[in-house]
PDB file of N, CA and C in Angstrom:
ATOM      1  N   UNK A   1      -3.174 136.581  18.304  1.00  0.00           N
ATOM      2  CA  UNK A   1      -3.053 137.778  17.511  1.00  0.00           C
ATOM      3  C   UNK A   1      -4.153 137.813  16.505  1.00  0.00           C
ATOM      4  N   UNK A   2      -4.801 138.982  16.379  1.00  0.00           N
ATOM      5  CA  UNK A   2      -5.901 139.146  15.414  1.00  0.00           C
ATOM      6  C   UNK A   2      -5.411 139.276  14.000  1.00  0.00           C
ATOM      7  N   UNK A   3      -6.110 138.684  13.023  1.00  0.00           N
ATOM      8  CA  UNK A   3      -5.643 138.849  11.625  1.00  0.00           C
ATOM      9  C   UNK A   3      -5.826 140.258  11.173  1.00  0.00           C
ATOM     10  N   UNK A   4      -4.942 140.655  10.240  1.00  0.00           N
ATOM     11  CA  UNK A   4      -5.038 142.024   9.713  1.00  0.00           C
ATOM     12  C   UNK A   4      -6.052 141.978   8.587  1.00  0.00           C
ATOM     13  N   UNK A   5      -6.940 142.959   8.618  1.00  0.00           N
ATOM     14  CA  UNK A   5      -8.053 143.115   7.629  1.00  0.00           C
ATOM     15  C   UNK A   5      -7.552 143.834   6.412  1.00  0.00           C
ATOM     16  N   UNK A   6      -6.753 143.139   5.535  1.00  0.00           N
ATOM     17  CA  UNK A   6      -6.123 143.755   4.390  1.00  0.00           C
ATOM     18  C   UNK A   6      -7.082 144.342   3.405  1.00  0.00           C
ATOM     19  N   UNK A   7      -8.198 143.659   3.126  1.00  0.00           N
ATOM     20  CA  UNK A   7      -9.160 144.168   2.143  1.00  0.00           C
ATOM     21  C   UNK A   7      -9.777 145.482   2.669  1.00  0.00           C
ATOM     22  N   UNK A   8     -10.076 145.561   3.933  1.00  0.00           N
ATOM     23  CA  UNK A   8     -10.653 146.818   4.502  1.00  0.00           C
ATOM     24  C   UNK A   8      -9.651 147.932   4.457  1.00  0.00           C
ATOM     25  N   UNK A   9      -8.410 147.622   4.816  1.00  0.00           N
ATOM     26  CA  UNK A   9      -7.357 148.675   4.814  1.00  0.00           C
ATOM     27  C   UNK A   9      -7.136 149.185   3.380  1.00  0.00           C
ATOM     28  N   UNK A  10      -7.052 148.293   2.390  1.00  0.00           N
ATOM     29  CA  UNK A  10      -6.899 148.687   1.029  1.00  0.00           C
ATOM     30  C   UNK A  10      -8.037 149.470   0.519  1.00  0.00           C
ATOM     31  N   UNK A  11      -9.244 149.126   0.851  1.00  0.00           N
ATOM     32  CA  UNK A  11     -10.435 149.837   0.472  1.00  0.00           C
ATOM     33  C   UNK A  11     -10.454 151.221   1.099  1.00  0.00           C
ATOM     34  N   UNK A  12     -10.080 151.371   2.342  1.00  0.00           N
ATOM     35  CA  UNK A  12     -10.015 152.674   2.981  1.00  0.00           C
ATOM     36  C   UNK A  12      -8.961 153.575   2.313  1.00  0.00           C
ATOM     37  N   UNK A  13      -7.824 153.000   1.964  1.00  0.00           N
ATOM     38  CA  UNK A  13      -6.806 153.795   1.271  1.00  0.00           C
ATOM     39  C   UNK A  13      -7.295 154.232  -0.104  1.00  0.00           C
ATOM     40  N   UNK A  14      -7.906 153.389  -0.819  1.00  0.00           N
ATOM     41  CA  UNK A  14      -8.499 153.677  -2.123  1.00  0.00           C
ATOM     42  C   UNK A  14      -9.606 154.718  -1.971  1.00  0.00           C
ATOM     43  N   UNK A  15     -10.360 154.650  -0.949  1.00  0.00           N
ATOM     44  CA  UNK A  15     -11.421 155.640  -0.728  1.00  0.00           C
ATOM     45  C   UNK A  15     -10.846 157.005  -0.582  1.00  0.00           C
ATOM     46  N   UNK A  16      -9.726 157.128   0.144  1.00  0.00           N
ATOM     47  CA  UNK A  16      -9.124 158.465   0.307  1.00  0.00           C
ATOM     48  C   UNK A  16      -8.486 158.882  -0.969  1.00  0.00           C
ATOM     49  N   UNK A  17      -7.934 157.976  -1.762  1.00  0.00           N
ATOM     50  CA  UNK A  17      -7.347 158.401  -3.057  1.00  0.00           C
ATOM     51  C   UNK A  17      -8.493 158.822  -3.978  1.00  0.00           C
ATOM     52  N   UNK A  18      -9.613 158.181  -3.926  1.00  0.00           N
ATOM     53  CA  UNK A  18     -10.786 158.535  -4.709  1.00  0.00           C
ATOM     54  C   UNK A  18     -11.303 159.944  -4.389  1.00  0.00           C
ATOM     55  N   UNK A  19     -11.347 160.191  -3.088  1.00  0.00           N
ATOM     56  CA  UNK A  19     -11.808 161.586  -2.659  1.00  0.00           C
ATOM     57  C   UNK A  19     -10.873 162.657  -3.165  1.00  0.00           C
ATOM     58  N   UNK A  20      -9.600 162.442  -2.963  1.00  0.00           N
ATOM     59  CA  UNK A  20      -8.603 163.482  -3.408  1.00  0.00           C
ATOM     60  C   UNK A  20      -8.539 163.632  -4.888  1.00  0.00           C
ATOM     61  N   UNK A  21      -8.884 162.605  -5.669  1.00  0.00           N
ATOM     62  CA  UNK A  21      -8.848 162.647  -7.078  1.00  0.00           C
ATOM     63  C   UNK A  21     -10.221 162.915  -7.729  1.00  0.00           C
ATOM     64  N   UNK A  22     -11.254 163.067  -6.862  1.00  0.00           N
ATOM     65  CA  UNK A  22     -12.571 163.294  -7.310  1.00  0.00           C
ATOM     66  C   UNK A  22     -13.074 162.207  -8.309  1.00  0.00           C
ATOM     67  N   UNK A  23     -12.833 160.969  -7.898  1.00  0.00           N
ATOM     68  CA  UNK A  23     -13.257 159.844  -8.727  1.00  0.00           C
ATOM     69  C   UNK A  23     -14.633 159.378  -8.246  1.00  0.00           C
ATOM     70  N   UNK A  24     -15.720 159.834  -8.863  1.00  0.00           N
ATOM     71  CA  UNK A  24     -17.078 159.531  -8.433  1.00  0.00           C
ATOM     72  C   UNK A  24     -17.374 158.048  -8.697  1.00  0.00           C
ATOM     73  N   UNK A  25     -16.798 157.431  -9.696  1.00  0.00           N
ATOM     74  CA  UNK A  25     -17.091 156.066 -10.011  1.00  0.00           C
ATOM     75  C   UNK A  25     -16.773 155.082  -8.897  1.00  0.00           C
ATOM     76  N   UNK A  26     -15.767 155.468  -8.086  1.00  0.00           N
ATOM     77  CA  UNK A  26     -15.396 154.554  -6.982  1.00  0.00           C
ATOM     78  C   UNK A  26     -16.569 154.348  -6.031  1.00  0.00           C
ATOM     79  N   UNK A  27     -17.329 155.383  -5.823  1.00  0.00           N
ATOM     80  CA  UNK A  27     -18.496 155.231  -4.945  1.00  0.00           C
ATOM     81  C   UNK A  27     -19.496 154.219  -5.493  1.00  0.00           C
ATOM     82  N   UNK A  28     -19.573 154.226  -6.796  1.00  0.00           N
ATOM     83  CA  UNK A  28     -20.455 153.203  -7.431  1.00  0.00           C
ATOM     84  C   UNK A  28     -19.999 151.816  -7.164  1.00  0.00           C
ATOM     85  N   UNK A  29     -18.687 151.578  -7.215  1.00  0.00           N
ATOM     86  CA  UNK A  29     -18.173 150.281  -6.900  1.00  0.00           C
ATOM     87  C   UNK A  29     -18.439 149.870  -5.455  1.00  0.00           C
ATOM     88  N   UNK A  30     -18.240 150.854  -4.518  1.00  0.00           N
ATOM     89  CA  UNK A  30     -18.481 150.641  -3.095  1.00  0.00           C
ATOM     90  C   UNK A  30     -19.956 150.324  -2.867  1.00  0.00           C
ATOM     91  N   UNK A  31     -20.840 151.084  -3.527  1.00  0.00           N
ATOM     92  CA  UNK A  31     -22.296 150.799  -3.306  1.00  0.00           C
ATOM     93  C   UNK A  31     -22.592 149.369  -3.795  1.00  0.00           C
ATOM     94  N   UNK A  32     -22.011 148.889  -4.880  1.00  0.00           N
ATOM     95  CA  UNK A  32     -22.257 147.542  -5.295  1.00  0.00           C
ATOM     96  C   UNK A  32     -21.717 146.525  -4.334  1.00  0.00           C
ATOM     97  N   UNK A  33     -20.485 146.817  -3.735  1.00  0.00           N
ATOM     98  CA  UNK A  33     -19.948 145.930  -2.714  1.00  0.00           C
ATOM     99  C   UNK A  33     -20.842 145.872  -1.461  1.00  0.00           C
ATOM    100  N   UNK A  34     -21.590 146.940  -1.209  1.00  0.00           N
ATOM    101  CA  UNK A  34     -22.489 146.924  -0.033  1.00  0.00           C
ATOM    102  C   UNK A  34     -23.796 146.272  -0.345  1.00  0.00           C
ATOM    103  N   UNK A  35     -24.269 146.410  -1.583  1.00  0.00           N
ATOM    104  CA  UNK A  35     -25.638 145.924  -1.905  1.00  0.00           C
ATOM    105  C   UNK A  35     -25.681 144.480  -2.236  1.00  0.00           C
ATOM    106  N   UNK A  36     -24.712 143.955  -2.900  1.00  0.00           N
ATOM    107  CA  UNK A  36     -24.710 142.526  -3.354  1.00  0.00           C
ATOM    108  C   UNK A  36     -24.855 141.577  -2.161  1.00  0.00           C
ATOM    109  N   UNK A  37     -24.071 141.723  -1.090  1.00  0.00           N
ATOM    110  CA  UNK A  37     -24.244 140.793   0.006  1.00  0.00           C
ATOM    111  C   UNK A  37     -25.705 141.016   0.689  1.00  0.00           C
ATOM    112  N   UNK A  38     -26.152 142.238   0.676  1.00  0.00           N
ATOM    113  CA  UNK A  38     -27.461 142.491   1.246  1.00  0.00           C
ATOM    114  C   UNK A  38     -28.563 141.713   0.568  1.00  0.00           C
ATOM    115  N   UNK A  39     -28.476 141.555  -0.756  1.00  0.00           N
ATOM    116  CA  UNK A  39     -29.415 140.850  -1.494  1.00  0.00           C
ATOM    117  C   UNK A  39     -29.441 139.331  -1.119  1.00  0.00           C
ATOM    118  N   UNK A  40     -28.305 138.808  -0.729  1.00  0.00           N
ATOM    119  CA  UNK A  40     -28.182 137.410  -0.381  1.00  0.00           C
ATOM    120  C   UNK A  40     -28.532 137.156   1.095  1.00  0.00           C
ATOM    121  N   UNK A  41     -28.262 138.124   1.976  1.00  0.00           N
ATOM    122  CA  UNK A  41     -28.537 137.910   3.381  1.00  0.00           C
ATOM    123  C   UNK A  41     -29.968 138.396   3.781  1.00  0.00           C
ATOM    124  N   UNK A  42     -30.538 139.313   3.037  1.00  0.00           N
ATOM    125  CA  UNK A  42     -31.840 139.804   3.369  1.00  0.00           C
ATOM    126  C   UNK A  42     -31.842 140.862   4.443  1.00  0.00           C
ATOM    127  N   UNK A  43     -30.577 141.377   4.777  1.00  0.00           N
ATOM    128  CA  UNK A  43     -30.444 142.370   5.729  1.00  0.00           C
ATOM    129  C   UNK A  43     -29.500 143.451   5.124  1.00  0.00           C
ATOM    130  N   UNK A  44     -29.937 144.705   5.304  1.00  0.00           N
ATOM    131  CA  UNK A  44     -29.114 145.833   4.841  1.00  0.00           C
ATOM    132  C   UNK A  44     -28.884 146.782   6.053  1.00  0.00           C
ATOM    133  N   UNK A  45     -27.916 147.620   5.892  1.00  0.00           N
ATOM    134  CA  UNK A  45     -27.546 148.533   7.045  1.00  0.00           C
ATOM    135  C   UNK A  45     -27.592 149.984   6.577  1.00  0.00           C
ATOM    136  N   UNK A  46     -28.417 150.727   7.199  1.00  0.00           N
ATOM    137  CA  UNK A  46     -28.492 152.192   6.998  1.00  0.00           C
ATOM    138  C   UNK A  46     -28.836 152.778   8.372  1.00  0.00           C
ATOM    139  N   UNK A  47     -27.829 153.260   9.072  1.00  0.00           N
ATOM    140  CA  UNK A  47     -27.899 153.739  10.426  1.00  0.00           C
ATOM    141  C   UNK A  47     -28.172 152.550  11.425  1.00  0.00           C
ATOM    142  N   UNK A  48     -29.030 151.617  11.004  1.00  0.00           N
ATOM    143  CA  UNK A  48     -29.272 150.431  11.782  1.00  0.00           C
ATOM    144  C   UNK A  48     -29.587 149.275  10.910  1.00  0.00           C
ATOM    145  N   UNK A  49     -29.494 148.080  11.374  1.00  0.00           N
ATOM    146  CA  UNK A  49     -29.861 146.890  10.485  1.00  0.00           C
ATOM    147  C   UNK A  49     -31.322 146.926  10.116  1.00  0.00           C
ATOM    148  N   UNK A  50     -31.595 146.649   8.820  1.00  0.00           N
ATOM    149  CA  UNK A  50     -32.890 146.615   8.343  1.00  0.00           C
ATOM    150  C   UNK A  50     -33.133 145.215   7.714  1.00  0.00           C
ATOM    151  N   UNK A  51     -34.052 144.477   8.266  1.00  0.00           N
ATOM    152  CA  UNK A  51     -34.239 143.104   7.843  1.00  0.00           C
ATOM    153  C   UNK A  51     -35.437 143.047   6.846  1.00  0.00           C
ATOM    154  N   UNK A  52     -35.244 142.288   5.751  1.00  0.00           N
ATOM    155  CA  UNK A  52     -36.324 142.178   4.731  1.00  0.00           C
ATOM    156  C   UNK A  52     -37.577 141.557   5.270  1.00  0.00           C
ATOM    157  N   UNK A  53     -37.449 140.580   6.157  1.00  0.00           N
ATOM    158  CA  UNK A  53     -38.673 139.904   6.676  1.00  0.00           C
ATOM    159  C   UNK A  53     -39.457 140.869   7.639  1.00  0.00           C
ATOM    160  N   UNK A  54     -38.788 141.692   8.390  1.00  0.00           N
ATOM    161  CA  UNK A  54     -39.438 142.550   9.371  1.00  0.00           C
ATOM    162  C   UNK A  54     -40.023 143.781   8.709  1.00  0.00           C
ATOM    163  N   UNK A  55     -39.207 144.441   7.825  1.00  0.00           N
ATOM    164  CA  UNK A  55     -39.633 145.689   7.208  1.00  0.00           C
ATOM    165  C   UNK A  55     -39.302 145.618   5.713  1.00  0.00           C
ATOM    166  N   UNK A  56     -40.055 144.864   4.924  1.00  0.00           N
ATOM    167  CA  UNK A  56     -39.718 144.641   3.551  1.00  0.00           C
ATOM    168  C   UNK A  56     -39.781 145.904   2.658  1.00  0.00           C
ATOM    169  N   UNK A  57     -40.696 146.796   2.919  1.00  0.00           N
ATOM    170  CA  UNK A  57     -40.732 148.026   2.081  1.00  0.00           C
ATOM    171  C   UNK A  57     -39.449 148.885   2.303  1.00  0.00           C
ATOM    172  N   UNK A  58     -39.111 149.128   3.590  1.00  0.00           N
ATOM    173  CA  UNK A  58     -37.984 149.897   3.834  1.00  0.00           C
ATOM    174  C   UNK A  58     -36.694 149.228   3.355  1.00  0.00           C
ATOM    175  N   UNK A  59     -36.611 147.956   3.504  1.00  0.00           N
ATOM    176  CA  UNK A  59     -35.460 147.143   2.968  1.00  0.00           C
ATOM    177  C   UNK A  59     -35.269 147.410   1.465  1.00  0.00           C
ATOM    178  N   UNK A  60     -36.377 147.248   0.690  1.00  0.00           N
ATOM    179  CA  UNK A  60     -36.300 147.373  -0.757  1.00  0.00           C
ATOM    180  C   UNK A  60     -36.026 148.806  -1.155  1.00  0.00           C
ATOM    181  N   UNK A  61     -36.565 149.765  -0.433  1.00  0.00           N
ATOM    182  CA  UNK A  61     -36.308 151.191  -0.746  1.00  0.00           C
ATOM    183  C   UNK A  61     -34.754 151.471  -0.592  1.00  0.00           C
ATOM    184  N   UNK A  62     -34.205 150.921   0.511  1.00  0.00           N
ATOM    185  CA  UNK A  62     -32.777 151.184   0.689  1.00  0.00           C
ATOM    186  C   UNK A  62     -31.914 150.412  -0.320  1.00  0.00           C
ATOM    187  N   UNK A  63     -32.281 149.155  -0.589  1.00  0.00           N
ATOM    188  CA  UNK A  63     -31.451 148.318  -1.566  1.00  0.00           C
ATOM    189  C   UNK A  63     -31.609 148.993  -2.942  1.00  0.00           C
ATOM    190  N   UNK A  64     -32.738 149.385  -3.386  1.00  0.00           N
ATOM    191  CA  UNK A  64     -32.896 149.995  -4.682  1.00  0.00           C
ATOM    192  C   UNK A  64     -32.156 151.344  -4.737  1.00  0.00           C
ATOM    193  N   UNK A  65     -32.152 152.042  -3.610  1.00  0.00           N
ATOM    194  CA  UNK A  65     -31.415 153.313  -3.563  1.00  0.00           C
ATOM    195  C   UNK A  65     -29.904 153.033  -3.770  1.00  0.00           C
ATOM    196  N   UNK A  66     -29.423 151.990  -3.072  1.00  0.00           N
ATOM    197  CA  UNK A  66     -27.999 151.709  -3.239  1.00  0.00           C
ATOM    198  C   UNK A  66     -27.691 151.394  -4.692  1.00  0.00           C
ATOM    199  N   UNK A  67     -28.580 150.616  -5.356  1.00  0.00           N
ATOM    200  CA  UNK A  67     -28.336 150.195  -6.699  1.00  0.00           C
ATOM    201  C   UNK A  67     -28.364 151.443  -7.655  1.00  0.00           C
ATOM    202  N   UNK A  68     -29.359 152.298  -7.503  1.00  0.00           N
ATOM    203  CA  UNK A  68     -29.437 153.525  -8.316  1.00  0.00           C
ATOM    204  C   UNK A  68     -28.235 154.425  -8.067  1.00  0.00           C
ATOM    205  N   UNK A  69     -27.774 154.566  -6.830  1.00  0.00           N
ATOM    206  CA  UNK A  69     -26.591 155.389  -6.590  1.00  0.00           C
ATOM    207  C   UNK A  69     -25.369 154.775  -7.166  1.00  0.00           C
ATOM    208  N   UNK A  70     -25.298 153.453  -7.187  1.00  0.00           N
ATOM    209  CA  UNK A  70     -24.165 152.777  -7.809  1.00  0.00           C
ATOM    210  C   UNK A  70     -24.137 153.036  -9.292  1.00  0.00           C
ATOM    211  N   UNK A  71     -25.323 152.931  -9.987  1.00  0.00           N
ATOM    212  CA  UNK A  71     -25.339 153.192 -11.420  1.00  0.00           C
ATOM    213  C   UNK A  71     -25.054 154.681 -11.711  1.00  0.00           C
ATOM    214  N   UNK A  72     -25.560 155.561 -10.892  1.00  0.00           N
ATOM    215  CA  UNK A  72     -25.327 156.969 -11.176  1.00  0.00           C
ATOM    216  C   UNK A  72     -23.847 157.291 -11.040  1.00  0.00           C
ATOM    217  N   UNK A  73     -23.185 156.766  -9.980  1.00  0.00           N
ATOM    218  CA  UNK A  73     -21.806 157.050  -9.704  1.00  0.00           C
ATOM    219  C   UNK A  73     -20.930 156.409 -10.825  1.00  0.00           C
ATOM    220  N   UNK A  74     -21.288 155.171 -11.194  1.00  0.00           N
ATOM    221  CA  UNK A  74     -20.498 154.546 -12.279  1.00  0.00           C
ATOM    222  C   UNK A  74     -20.719 155.259 -13.658  1.00  0.00           C
ATOM    223  N   UNK A  75     -21.846 155.876 -13.823  1.00  0.00           N
ATOM    224  CA  UNK A  75     -22.080 156.547 -15.082  1.00  0.00           C
ATOM    225  C   UNK A  75     -21.107 157.728 -15.276  1.00  0.00           C
ATOM    226  N   UNK A  76     -20.488 158.193 -14.179  1.00  0.00           N
ATOM    227  CA  UNK A  76     -19.554 159.299 -14.268  1.00  0.00           C
ATOM    228  C   UNK A  76     -18.351 158.900 -15.158  1.00  0.00           C
ATOM    229  N   UNK A  77     -18.126 157.611 -15.351  1.00  0.00           N
ATOM    230  CA  UNK A  77     -17.065 157.151 -16.212  1.00  0.00           C
ATOM    231  C   UNK A  77     -17.384 157.510 -17.729  1.00  0.00           C
ATOM    232  N   UNK A  78     -18.709 157.599 -18.008  1.00  0.00           N
ATOM    233  CA  UNK A  78     -19.112 157.733 -19.403  1.00  0.00           C
ATOM    234  C   UNK A  78     -19.773 159.114 -19.738  1.00  0.00           C
ATOM    235  N   UNK A  79     -20.251 159.758 -18.712  1.00  0.00           N
ATOM    236  CA  UNK A  79     -21.013 160.996 -18.906  1.00  0.00           C
ATOM    237  C   UNK A  79     -20.338 162.118 -18.083  1.00  0.00           C
ATOM    238  N   UNK A  80     -20.015 163.227 -18.769  1.00  0.00           N
ATOM    239  CA  UNK A  80     -19.366 164.348 -18.050  1.00  0.00           C
ATOM    240  C   UNK A  80     -20.540 165.256 -17.542  1.00  0.00           C
ATOM    241  N   UNK A  81     -20.990 165.117 -16.326  1.00  0.00           N
ATOM    242  CA  UNK A  81     -22.090 165.846 -15.755  1.00  0.00           C
ATOM    243  C   UNK A  81     -21.744 167.328 -15.594  1.00  0.00           C
ATOM    244  N   UNK A  82     -20.498 167.654 -15.429  1.00  0.00           N
ATOM    245  CA  UNK A  82     -20.108 169.041 -15.281  1.00  0.00           C
ATOM    246  C   UNK A  82     -20.413 169.838 -16.525  1.00  0.00           C
ATOM    247  N   UNK A  83     -20.338 169.214 -17.711  1.00  0.00           N
ATOM    248  CA  UNK A  83     -20.604 169.953 -18.919  1.00  0.00           C
ATOM    249  C   UNK A  83     -22.053 170.386 -19.075  1.00  0.00           C
ATOM    250  N   UNK A  84     -22.941 169.760 -18.293  1.00  0.00           N
ATOM    251  CA  UNK A  84     -24.360 170.160 -18.314  1.00  0.00           C
ATOM    252  C   UNK A  84     -24.598 171.506 -17.622  1.00  0.00           C
ATOM    253  N   UNK A  85     -23.732 171.844 -16.759  1.00  0.00           N
ATOM    254  CA  UNK A  85     -23.878 173.087 -15.998  1.00  0.00           C
ATOM    255  C   UNK A  85     -23.298 174.323 -16.628  1.00  0.00           C
ATOM    256  N   UNK A  86     -22.497 174.149 -17.704  1.00  0.00           N
ATOM    257  CA  UNK A  86     -21.863 175.287 -18.331  1.00  0.00           C
ATOM    258  C   UNK A  86     -22.346 175.529 -19.723  1.00  0.00           C
TER     259      UNK A  86
END
């Protein structure tokens, strides 16, 4: 019998809750969960695996993009971006 992937199931449920409640900060947490292991392994995934040794520029562009998106999404906890539009 295969083990149940509880962390993945809980993350999926939380993702749906975040979408329905319009919690942008959750995406920042998810981006961090995606990028931190990539920094240790030297491989990131965006449509296909991108290895730091084979394509270092593309690897770093993607990793830096994940980090910037994480900070932007987490900043929603402190900055009300909707107020800039009204």
